[in-house]
Amino acid sequence: MELLKLATEWAKAEVFSTRFFILFAIGFLIASVGFWQLGKTDLAKAYIIPTLVAGLLLMTIGLGLFYTNKSRITQFEKAFSDDATAFYQSEIQRTESTLKEYSVVFKVIPVLIILAALLILFISTPTWRAISITTIAMLIIILLVDGTAHSRIDSYHKELKLADIQNNYAHNIHN
């Protein structure tokens, strides 16, 4: 039963974390409306579409992850009650796969940030400057939220491995 509690706590923490994507998305959407209503300069007007797009992307990511992780909680309970061993194996595989995906994310996003920064240096039109700066801001938010999520799933994965070692040890003592 400790395995189910561990998985459920991880999923609940993920649900909480994904709310930050939604909060930042709302911030970008408010900024877009602000630039639309109050923007007087060409640069301010150039931010309208990029901040709107960034807000919509972050909202999509946040809502998608929120509902995925929310439904995972009930799925965990069913999968655990059906077959605890299969549930454990699937969680080990899922966490290992996710950790590999994060290693790619933490290499690609910094490269994208560098490319966006280079665009600021070499293309000085208001539109490209707004796109680049908004992209950098959005990618930094993704790194912040994904950084904590990576740390959380890494810890969860280690706890799963530790639980397996403890279960095997207890099983060997009783035999």
N, C-alpha and C. Protein backbone atom coordinates (compact mmCIF):
# COMPACT_ATOMS: atom_id res chain seq x y z
N MET A 1 0.83 -1.20 0.00
CA MET A 1 0.00 0.00 0.00
C MET A 1 0.87 1.26 0.00
N GLU A 2 2.10 1.15 0.53
CA GLU A 2 3.00 2.30 0.52
C GLU A 2 3.31 2.74 -0.91
N LEU A 3 3.36 1.79 -1.83
CA LEU A 3 3.61 2.08 -3.24
C LEU A 3 2.50 2.96 -3.81
N LEU A 4 1.27 2.64 -3.52
CA LEU A 4 0.13 3.44 -3.99
C LEU A 4 0.18 4.85 -3.39
N LYS A 5 0.51 4.93 -2.11
CA LYS A 5 0.60 6.25 -1.46
C LYS A 5 1.71 7.08 -2.10
N LEU A 6 2.84 6.47 -2.37
CA LEU A 6 3.97 7.14 -3.00
C LEU A 6 3.59 7.67 -4.38
N ALA A 7 2.94 6.84 -5.18
CA ALA A 7 2.52 7.23 -6.53
C ALA A 7 1.48 8.34 -6.48
N THR A 8 0.54 8.22 -5.57
CA THR A 8 -0.53 9.21 -5.45
C THR A 8 0.02 10.56 -5.00
N GLU A 9 0.95 10.55 -4.05
CA GLU A 9 1.56 11.80 -3.60
C GLU A 9 2.32 12.47 -4.74
N TRP A 10 3.03 11.67 -5.55
CA TRP A 10 3.75 12.22 -6.68
C TRP A 10 2.77 12.88 -7.66
N ALA A 11 1.67 12.18 -7.98
CA ALA A 11 0.69 12.71 -8.93
C ALA A 11 0.04 13.99 -8.40
N LYS A 12 -0.26 14.03 -7.12
CA LYS A 12 -0.84 15.24 -6.53
C LYS A 12 0.13 16.42 -6.59
N ALA A 13 1.41 16.14 -6.37
CA ALA A 13 2.41 17.20 -6.48
C ALA A 13 2.51 17.70 -7.92
N GLU A 14 2.37 16.81 -8.88
CA GLU A 14 2.39 17.20 -10.30
C GLU A 14 1.18 18.06 -10.64
N VAL A 15 0.02 17.70 -10.10
CA VAL A 15 -1.19 18.50 -10.33
C VAL A 15 -0.97 19.91 -9.80
N PHE A 16 -0.38 20.02 -8.62
CA PHE A 16 -0.11 21.34 -8.05
C PHE A 16 0.87 22.11 -8.94
N SER A 17 1.93 21.46 -9.37
CA SER A 17 2.97 22.09 -10.17
C SER A 17 2.46 22.60 -11.51
N THR A 18 1.58 21.84 -12.13
CA THR A 18 1.08 22.25 -13.46
C THR A 18 0.23 23.51 -13.37
N ARG A 19 -0.25 23.82 -12.21
CA ARG A 19 -1.02 25.06 -12.05
C ARG A 19 -0.15 26.28 -12.32
N PHE A 20 1.15 26.15 -12.15
CA PHE A 20 2.04 27.27 -12.43
C PHE A 20 2.09 27.58 -13.92
N PHE A 21 2.00 26.55 -14.76
CA PHE A 21 1.89 26.80 -16.20
C PHE A 21 0.64 27.65 -16.47
N ILE A 22 -0.43 27.29 -15.82
CA ILE A 22 -1.70 28.00 -16.03
C ILE A 22 -1.59 29.44 -15.53
N LEU A 23 -0.98 29.63 -14.35
CA LEU A 23 -0.82 30.99 -13.82
C LEU A 23 0.05 31.86 -14.73
N PHE A 24 1.16 31.31 -15.21
CA PHE A 24 2.01 32.07 -16.12
C PHE A 24 1.28 32.33 -17.45
N ALA A 25 0.48 31.36 -17.89
CA ALA A 25 -0.30 31.55 -19.12
C ALA A 25 -1.25 32.73 -18.96
N ILE A 26 -1.90 32.79 -17.84
CA ILE A 26 -2.82 33.91 -17.58
C ILE A 26 -2.04 35.23 -17.59
N GLY A 27 -0.85 35.22 -17.02
CA GLY A 27 -0.01 36.41 -17.04
C GLY A 27 0.33 36.86 -18.46
N PHE A 28 0.69 35.91 -19.32
CA PHE A 28 0.98 36.24 -20.71
C PHE A 28 -0.26 36.76 -21.43
N LEU A 29 -1.40 36.14 -21.16
CA LEU A 29 -2.64 36.58 -21.81
C LEU A 29 -3.02 37.99 -21.36
N ILE A 30 -2.85 38.27 -20.08
CA ILE A 30 -3.12 39.62 -19.56
C ILE A 30 -2.14 40.62 -20.20
N ALA A 31 -0.89 40.22 -20.32
CA ALA A 31 0.11 41.10 -20.96
C ALA A 31 -0.28 41.38 -22.41
N SER A 32 -0.77 40.36 -23.11
CA SER A 32 -1.18 40.55 -24.49
C SER A 32 -2.31 41.57 -24.59
N VAL A 33 -3.29 41.43 -23.73
CA VAL A 33 -4.41 42.40 -23.71
C VAL A 33 -3.89 43.78 -23.35
N GLY A 34 -2.97 43.84 -22.40
CA GLY A 34 -2.39 45.12 -22.01
C GLY A 34 -1.66 45.80 -23.16
N PHE A 35 -0.85 45.01 -23.88
CA PHE A 35 -0.15 45.57 -25.04
C PHE A 35 -1.15 46.02 -26.11
N TRP A 36 -2.21 45.27 -26.27
CA TRP A 36 -3.22 45.60 -27.27
C TRP A 36 -3.94 46.91 -26.92
N GLN A 37 -4.29 47.03 -25.65
CA GLN A 37 -5.05 48.20 -25.21
C GLN A 37 -4.18 49.43 -24.96
N LEU A 38 -2.98 49.22 -24.44
CA LEU A 38 -2.18 50.35 -23.99
C LEU A 38 -0.93 50.61 -24.83
N GLY A 39 -0.59 49.66 -25.72
CA GLY A 39 0.64 49.79 -26.49
C GLY A 39 0.61 50.97 -27.45
N LYS A 40 1.58 51.86 -27.29
CA LYS A 40 1.66 53.04 -28.15
C LYS A 40 2.81 52.94 -29.15
N THR A 41 3.89 52.28 -28.75
CA THR A 41 5.06 52.17 -29.63
C THR A 41 4.96 50.94 -30.51
N ASP A 42 5.79 50.91 -31.55
CA ASP A 42 5.81 49.75 -32.44
C ASP A 42 6.22 48.48 -31.69
N LEU A 43 7.17 48.61 -30.78
CA LEU A 43 7.62 47.44 -30.01
C LEU A 43 6.50 46.93 -29.10
N ALA A 44 5.80 47.82 -28.43
CA ALA A 44 4.70 47.41 -27.55
C ALA A 44 3.62 46.70 -28.38
N LYS A 45 3.30 47.24 -29.54
CA LYS A 45 2.29 46.61 -30.40
C LYS A 45 2.77 45.27 -30.93
N ALA A 46 4.08 45.13 -31.11
CA ALA A 46 4.65 43.88 -31.62
C ALA A 46 4.52 42.74 -30.61
N TYR A 47 4.36 43.06 -29.33
CA TYR A 47 4.23 42.03 -28.30
C TYR A 47 2.84 41.39 -28.25
N ILE A 48 1.85 41.98 -28.87
CA ILE A 48 0.48 41.47 -28.75
C ILE A 48 0.38 40.00 -29.16
N ILE A 49 0.79 39.68 -30.36
CA ILE A 49 0.65 38.30 -30.87
C ILE A 49 1.61 37.33 -30.16
N PRO A 50 2.89 37.65 -30.00
CA PRO A 50 3.78 36.69 -29.32
C PRO A 50 3.35 36.35 -27.89
N THR A 51 2.90 37.35 -27.13
CA THR A 51 2.46 37.05 -25.76
C THR A 51 1.15 36.26 -25.76
N LEU A 52 0.30 36.52 -26.74
CA LEU A 52 -0.93 35.74 -26.87
C LEU A 52 -0.61 34.29 -27.19
N VAL A 53 0.29 34.07 -28.14
CA VAL A 53 0.69 32.71 -28.51
C VAL A 53 1.35 32.00 -27.34
N ALA A 54 2.27 32.67 -26.65
CA ALA A 54 2.95 32.07 -25.50
C ALA A 54 1.93 31.72 -24.41
N GLY A 55 0.98 32.62 -24.17
CA GLY A 55 -0.06 32.35 -23.17
C GLY A 55 -0.90 31.14 -23.54
N LEU A 56 -1.27 31.05 -24.81
CA LEU A 56 -2.08 29.91 -25.25
C LEU A 56 -1.28 28.61 -25.18
N LEU A 57 0.00 28.66 -25.54
CA LEU A 57 0.83 27.45 -25.44
C LEU A 57 0.98 26.99 -23.99
N LEU A 58 1.29 27.93 -23.11
CA LEU A 58 1.44 27.56 -21.70
C LEU A 58 0.12 27.08 -21.10
N MET A 59 -0.99 27.68 -21.53
CA MET A 59 -2.31 27.23 -21.05
C MET A 59 -2.58 25.80 -21.52
N THR A 60 -2.27 25.53 -22.78
CA THR A 60 -2.47 24.18 -23.33
C THR A 60 -1.62 23.16 -22.57
N ILE A 61 -0.35 23.50 -22.35
CA ILE A 61 0.54 22.60 -21.60
C ILE A 61 -0.01 22.39 -20.19
N GLY A 62 -0.34 23.48 -19.52
CA GLY A 62 -0.81 23.41 -18.14
C GLY A 62 -2.09 22.61 -17.99
N LEU A 63 -3.09 22.90 -18.83
CA LEU A 63 -4.35 22.17 -18.73
C LEU A 63 -4.19 20.71 -19.10
N GLY A 64 -3.38 20.44 -20.13
CA GLY A 64 -3.15 19.05 -20.53
C GLY A 64 -2.50 18.25 -19.43
N LEU A 65 -1.46 18.80 -18.83
CA LEU A 65 -0.77 18.11 -17.74
C LEU A 65 -1.63 18.01 -16.49
N PHE A 66 -2.41 19.05 -16.24
CA PHE A 66 -3.29 19.05 -15.07
C PHE A 66 -4.28 17.90 -15.15
N TYR A 67 -4.98 17.79 -16.26
CA TYR A 67 -6.00 16.73 -16.38
C TYR A 67 -5.38 15.35 -16.51
N THR A 68 -4.23 15.26 -17.15
CA THR A 68 -3.54 13.97 -17.25
C THR A 68 -3.16 13.46 -15.87
N ASN A 69 -2.55 14.33 -15.07
CA ASN A 69 -2.10 13.91 -13.74
C ASN A 69 -3.26 13.74 -12.78
N LYS A 70 -4.31 14.54 -12.94
CA LYS A 70 -5.50 14.39 -12.09
C LYS A 70 -6.14 13.02 -12.32
N SER A 71 -6.27 12.63 -13.58
CA SER A 71 -6.89 11.33 -13.88
C SER A 71 -5.96 10.18 -13.51
N ARG A 72 -4.67 10.45 -13.47
CA ARG A 72 -3.70 9.42 -13.11
C ARG A 72 -3.92 8.93 -11.68
N ILE A 73 -4.38 9.80 -10.82
CA ILE A 73 -4.58 9.43 -9.41
C ILE A 73 -5.58 8.28 -9.29
N THR A 74 -6.72 8.41 -9.97
CA THR A 74 -7.70 7.31 -9.92
C THR A 74 -7.22 6.09 -10.70
N GLN A 75 -6.48 6.33 -11.77
CA GLN A 75 -5.92 5.20 -12.54
C GLN A 75 -4.92 4.42 -11.70
N PHE A 76 -4.15 5.14 -10.88
CA PHE A 76 -3.19 4.47 -10.00
C PHE A 76 -3.90 3.51 -9.06
N GLU A 77 -4.98 3.97 -8.45
CA GLU A 77 -5.72 3.14 -7.50
C GLU A 77 -6.24 1.87 -8.16
N LYS A 78 -6.80 2.01 -9.35
CA LYS A 78 -7.34 0.85 -10.07
C LYS A 78 -6.23 -0.10 -10.49
N ALA A 79 -5.16 0.44 -11.07
CA ALA A 79 -4.05 -0.40 -11.53
C ALA A 79 -3.38 -1.12 -10.36
N PHE A 80 -3.24 -0.43 -9.24
CA PHE A 80 -2.62 -1.04 -8.07
C PHE A 80 -3.49 -2.17 -7.53
N SER A 81 -4.81 -1.94 -7.46
CA SER A 81 -5.69 -2.99 -6.93
C SER A 81 -5.80 -4.17 -7.89
N ASP A 82 -5.66 -3.92 -9.20
CA ASP A 82 -5.71 -5.01 -10.18
C ASP A 82 -4.47 -5.90 -10.09
N ASP A 83 -3.29 -5.27 -10.07
CA ASP A 83 -2.04 -6.04 -10.03
C ASP A 83 -0.92 -5.11 -9.56
N ALA A 84 -0.58 -5.21 -8.30
CA ALA A 84 0.42 -4.31 -7.70
C ALA A 84 1.79 -4.46 -8.36
N THR A 85 2.17 -5.68 -8.69
CA THR A 85 3.48 -5.91 -9.31
C THR A 85 3.55 -5.28 -10.70
N ALA A 86 2.51 -5.47 -11.49
CA ALA A 86 2.47 -4.86 -12.83
C ALA A 86 2.44 -3.34 -12.72
N PHE A 87 1.73 -2.83 -11.73
CA PHE A 87 1.69 -1.39 -11.51
C PHE A 87 3.08 -0.87 -11.20
N TYR A 88 3.78 -1.56 -10.31
CA TYR A 88 5.14 -1.16 -9.95
C TYR A 88 6.04 -1.14 -11.19
N GLN A 89 5.99 -2.21 -11.98
CA GLN A 89 6.83 -2.30 -13.18
C GLN A 89 6.51 -1.18 -14.17
N SER A 90 5.23 -0.89 -14.34
CA SER A 90 4.85 0.16 -15.28
C SER A 90 5.32 1.53 -14.79
N GLU A 91 5.29 1.75 -13.49
CA GLU A 91 5.76 3.02 -12.94
C GLU A 91 7.28 3.16 -13.09
N ILE A 92 8.01 2.08 -12.89
CA ILE A 92 9.46 2.11 -13.09
C ILE A 92 9.76 2.47 -14.54
N GLN A 93 9.07 1.80 -15.47
CA GLN A 93 9.30 2.08 -16.89
C GLN A 93 8.90 3.51 -17.25
N ARG A 94 7.78 3.96 -16.74
CA ARG A 94 7.30 5.31 -17.05
C ARG A 94 8.26 6.36 -16.51
N THR A 95 8.73 6.19 -15.28
CA THR A 95 9.65 7.18 -14.71
C THR A 95 10.99 7.18 -15.44
N GLU A 96 11.49 6.01 -15.82
CA GLU A 96 12.75 5.95 -16.57
C GLU A 96 12.60 6.64 -17.93
N SER A 97 11.49 6.41 -18.59
CA SER A 97 11.22 7.04 -19.88
C SER A 97 11.12 8.56 -19.74
N THR A 98 10.42 9.00 -18.71
CA THR A 98 10.25 10.43 -18.48
C THR A 98 11.59 11.09 -18.15
N LEU A 99 12.41 10.43 -17.37
CA LEU A 99 13.73 10.98 -17.04
C LEU A 99 14.59 11.14 -18.29
N LYS A 100 14.50 10.19 -19.22
CA LYS A 100 15.23 10.30 -20.49
C LYS A 100 14.71 11.48 -21.31
N GLU A 101 13.39 11.69 -21.31
CA GLU A 101 12.81 12.82 -22.04
C GLU A 101 13.30 14.14 -21.45
N TYR A 102 13.37 14.22 -20.14
CA TYR A 102 13.86 15.44 -19.50
C TYR A 102 15.30 15.74 -19.88
N SER A 103 16.12 14.71 -20.04
CA SER A 103 17.52 14.96 -20.42
C SER A 103 17.58 15.64 -21.79
N VAL A 104 16.64 15.31 -22.67
CA VAL A 104 16.58 15.97 -23.98
C VAL A 104 16.07 17.40 -23.82
N VAL A 105 15.02 17.57 -23.03
CA VAL A 105 14.42 18.88 -22.82
C VAL A 105 15.46 19.86 -22.28
N PHE A 106 16.28 19.42 -21.32
CA PHE A 106 17.26 20.31 -20.70
C PHE A 106 18.46 20.59 -21.59
N LYS A 107 18.51 19.95 -22.75
CA LYS A 107 19.54 20.27 -23.74
C LYS A 107 18.94 21.15 -24.85
N VAL A 108 17.73 20.85 -25.25
CA VAL A 108 17.11 21.56 -26.37
C VAL A 108 16.67 22.98 -25.98
N ILE A 109 16.04 23.13 -24.84
CA ILE A 109 15.51 24.44 -24.45
C ILE A 109 16.63 25.49 -24.31
N PRO A 110 17.75 25.19 -23.68
CA PRO A 110 18.81 26.20 -23.65
C PRO A 110 19.31 26.60 -25.05
N VAL A 111 19.37 25.64 -25.96
CA VAL A 111 19.77 25.95 -27.34
C VAL A 111 18.75 26.90 -27.98
N LEU A 112 17.46 26.64 -27.74
CA LEU A 112 16.42 27.52 -28.28
C LEU A 112 16.52 28.93 -27.66
N ILE A 113 16.85 29.00 -26.39
CA ILE A 113 17.03 30.30 -25.73
C ILE A 113 18.20 31.05 -26.37
N ILE A 114 19.29 30.35 -26.63
CA ILE A 114 20.45 30.97 -27.27
C ILE A 114 20.09 31.47 -28.67
N LEU A 115 19.35 30.65 -29.43
CA LEU A 115 18.94 31.07 -30.77
C LEU A 115 18.05 32.32 -30.72
N ALA A 116 17.13 32.34 -29.76
CA ALA A 116 16.26 33.51 -29.62
C ALA A 116 17.08 34.75 -29.23
N ALA A 117 18.07 34.56 -28.37
CA ALA A 117 18.93 35.68 -27.98
C ALA A 117 19.74 36.19 -29.17
N LEU A 118 20.20 35.27 -30.01
CA LEU A 118 20.94 35.68 -31.20
C LEU A 118 20.06 36.47 -32.17
N LEU A 119 18.79 36.07 -32.24
CA LEU A 119 17.87 36.84 -33.08
C LEU A 119 17.76 38.29 -32.60
N ILE A 120 17.76 38.48 -31.30
CA ILE A 120 17.70 39.84 -30.75
C ILE A 120 18.93 40.64 -31.20
N LEU A 121 20.08 39.98 -31.21
CA LEU A 121 21.31 40.67 -31.59
C LEU A 121 21.36 41.03 -33.07
N PHE A 122 20.86 40.12 -33.91
CA PHE A 122 21.07 40.29 -35.35
C PHE A 122 19.86 40.83 -36.11
N ILE A 123 18.68 40.72 -35.55
CA ILE A 123 17.48 41.24 -36.22
C ILE A 123 16.81 42.21 -35.25
N SER A 124 16.82 43.47 -35.60
CA SER A 124 16.35 44.47 -34.64
C SER A 124 14.96 45.02 -34.95
N THR A 125 14.18 44.33 -35.78
CA THR A 125 12.83 44.81 -36.02
C THR A 125 11.97 44.56 -34.78
N PRO A 126 11.00 45.41 -34.51
CA PRO A 126 10.17 45.23 -33.31
C PRO A 126 9.50 43.85 -33.23
N THR A 127 9.02 43.34 -34.35
CA THR A 127 8.32 42.06 -34.34
C THR A 127 9.24 40.93 -33.91
N TRP A 128 10.43 40.85 -34.50
CA TRP A 128 11.36 39.77 -34.16
C TRP A 128 11.91 39.93 -32.75
N ARG A 129 12.10 41.17 -32.32
CA ARG A 129 12.56 41.41 -30.96
C ARG A 129 11.50 40.93 -29.96
N ALA A 130 10.24 41.25 -30.22
CA ALA A 130 9.14 40.83 -29.34
C ALA A 130 9.01 39.30 -29.34
N ILE A 131 9.10 38.70 -30.52
CA ILE A 131 9.02 37.23 -30.60
C ILE A 131 10.15 36.59 -29.81
N SER A 132 11.36 37.10 -29.99
CA SER A 132 12.52 36.52 -29.31
C SER A 132 12.43 36.66 -27.80
N ILE A 133 12.10 37.84 -27.34
CA ILE A 133 12.03 38.08 -25.89
C ILE A 133 10.90 37.27 -25.26
N THR A 134 9.77 37.20 -25.93
CA THR A 134 8.64 36.40 -25.41
C THR A 134 9.00 34.92 -25.40
N THR A 135 9.68 34.47 -26.44
CA THR A 135 10.11 33.07 -26.50
C THR A 135 11.06 32.75 -25.36
N ILE A 136 12.02 33.62 -25.12
CA ILE A 136 12.97 33.41 -24.02
C ILE A 136 12.22 33.34 -22.69
N ALA A 137 11.29 34.26 -22.47
CA ALA A 137 10.52 34.27 -21.22
C ALA A 137 9.72 32.97 -21.05
N MET A 138 9.06 32.54 -22.12
CA MET A 138 8.26 31.32 -22.05
C MET A 138 9.14 30.10 -21.79
N LEU A 139 10.28 30.02 -22.47
CA LEU A 139 11.17 28.87 -22.28
C LEU A 139 11.78 28.85 -20.89
N ILE A 140 12.05 30.00 -20.32
CA ILE A 140 12.56 30.05 -18.94
C ILE A 140 11.49 29.54 -17.97
N ILE A 141 10.25 29.92 -18.21
CA ILE A 141 9.16 29.41 -17.36
C ILE A 141 9.06 27.90 -17.47
N ILE A 142 9.16 27.39 -18.69
CA ILE A 142 9.11 25.93 -18.89
C ILE A 142 10.27 25.27 -18.15
N LEU A 143 11.46 25.85 -18.23
CA LEU A 143 12.60 25.29 -17.51
C LEU A 143 12.39 25.32 -16.00
N LEU A 144 11.82 26.41 -15.50
CA LEU A 144 11.57 26.51 -14.05
C LEU A 144 10.60 25.43 -13.58
N VAL A 145 9.49 25.31 -14.26
CA VAL A 145 8.47 24.33 -13.85
C VAL A 145 8.96 22.91 -14.11
N ASP A 146 9.57 22.68 -15.28
CA ASP A 146 10.07 21.34 -15.59
C ASP A 146 11.26 20.95 -14.71
N GLY A 147 12.02 21.94 -14.27
CA GLY A 147 13.13 21.64 -13.37
C GLY A 147 12.65 21.04 -12.07
N THR A 148 11.60 21.61 -11.53
CA THR A 148 11.05 21.05 -10.28
C THR A 148 10.36 19.71 -10.55
N ALA A 149 9.71 19.60 -11.71
CA ALA A 149 9.07 18.32 -12.05
C ALA A 149 10.11 17.23 -12.25
N HIS A 150 11.23 17.57 -12.88
CA HIS A 150 12.31 16.60 -13.07
C HIS A 150 12.85 16.13 -11.73
N SER A 151 13.08 17.07 -10.84
CA SER A 151 13.58 16.73 -9.52
C SER A 151 12.60 15.81 -8.79
N ARG A 152 11.32 16.12 -8.92
CA ARG A 152 10.28 15.34 -8.25
C ARG A 152 10.20 13.92 -8.82
N ILE A 153 10.26 13.78 -10.14
CA ILE A 153 10.14 12.43 -10.72
C ILE A 153 11.43 11.63 -10.49
N ASP A 154 12.56 12.31 -10.42
CA ASP A 154 13.81 11.63 -10.11
C ASP A 154 13.75 11.07 -8.69
N SER A 155 13.27 11.87 -7.77
CA SER A 155 13.11 11.42 -6.39
C SER A 155 12.11 10.27 -6.30
N TYR A 156 10.99 10.40 -7.02
CA TYR A 156 9.97 9.36 -7.04
C TYR A 156 10.56 8.06 -7.59
N HIS A 157 11.33 8.16 -8.66
CA HIS A 157 11.95 6.98 -9.27
C HIS A 157 12.90 6.29 -8.28
N LYS A 158 13.69 7.10 -7.57
CA LYS A 158 14.61 6.53 -6.58
C LYS A 158 13.85 5.86 -5.44
N GLU A 159 12.74 6.47 -5.03
CA GLU A 159 11.93 5.86 -3.97
C GLU A 159 11.30 4.55 -4.44
N LEU A 160 10.89 4.50 -5.72
CA LEU A 160 10.37 3.25 -6.28
C LEU A 160 11.44 2.16 -6.25
N LYS A 161 12.63 2.50 -6.65
CA LYS A 161 13.74 1.54 -6.65
C LYS A 161 14.05 1.08 -5.23
N LEU A 162 14.04 2.01 -4.30
CA LEU A 162 14.30 1.68 -2.90
C LEU A 162 13.20 0.76 -2.36
N ALA A 163 11.96 1.03 -2.71
CA ALA A 163 10.84 0.18 -2.27
C ALA A 163 11.02 -1.23 -2.80
N ASP A 164 11.50 -1.36 -4.04
CA ASP A 164 11.73 -2.68 -4.63
C ASP A 164 12.83 -3.42 -3.88
N ILE A 165 13.89 -2.72 -3.54
CA ILE A 165 14.99 -3.34 -2.79
C ILE A 165 14.50 -3.79 -1.42
N GLN A 166 13.72 -2.94 -0.76
CA GLN A 166 13.20 -3.29 0.57
C GLN A 166 12.24 -4.48 0.48
N ASN A 167 11.39 -4.51 -0.55
CA ASN A 167 10.46 -5.64 -0.72
C ASN A 167 11.21 -6.93 -1.00
N ASN A 168 12.24 -6.87 -1.84
CA ASN A 168 13.03 -8.08 -2.12
C ASN A 168 13.77 -8.55 -0.87
N TYR A 169 14.28 -7.62 -0.08
CA TYR A 169 14.97 -7.96 1.15
C TYR A 169 14.01 -8.63 2.13
N ALA A 170 12.83 -8.05 2.30
CA ALA A 170 11.82 -8.62 3.22
C ALA A 170 11.37 -9.99 2.72
N HIS A 171 11.21 -10.12 1.40
CA HIS A 171 10.78 -11.39 0.81
C HIS A 171 11.85 -12.48 1.04
N ASN A 172 13.11 -12.12 0.89
CA ASN A 172 14.20 -13.09 1.07
C ASN A 172 14.35 -13.50 2.54
N ILE A 173 14.06 -12.61 3.48
CA ILE A 173 14.15 -12.94 4.89
C ILE A 173 13.08 -13.96 5.26
N HIS A 174 11.86 -13.77 4.70
CA HIS A 174 10.76 -14.67 5.04
C HIS A 174 10.93 -16.03 4.39
N ASN A 175 11.74 -16.15 3.38
CA ASN A 175 11.96 -17.44 2.69
C ASN A 175 13.16 -18.10 3.21
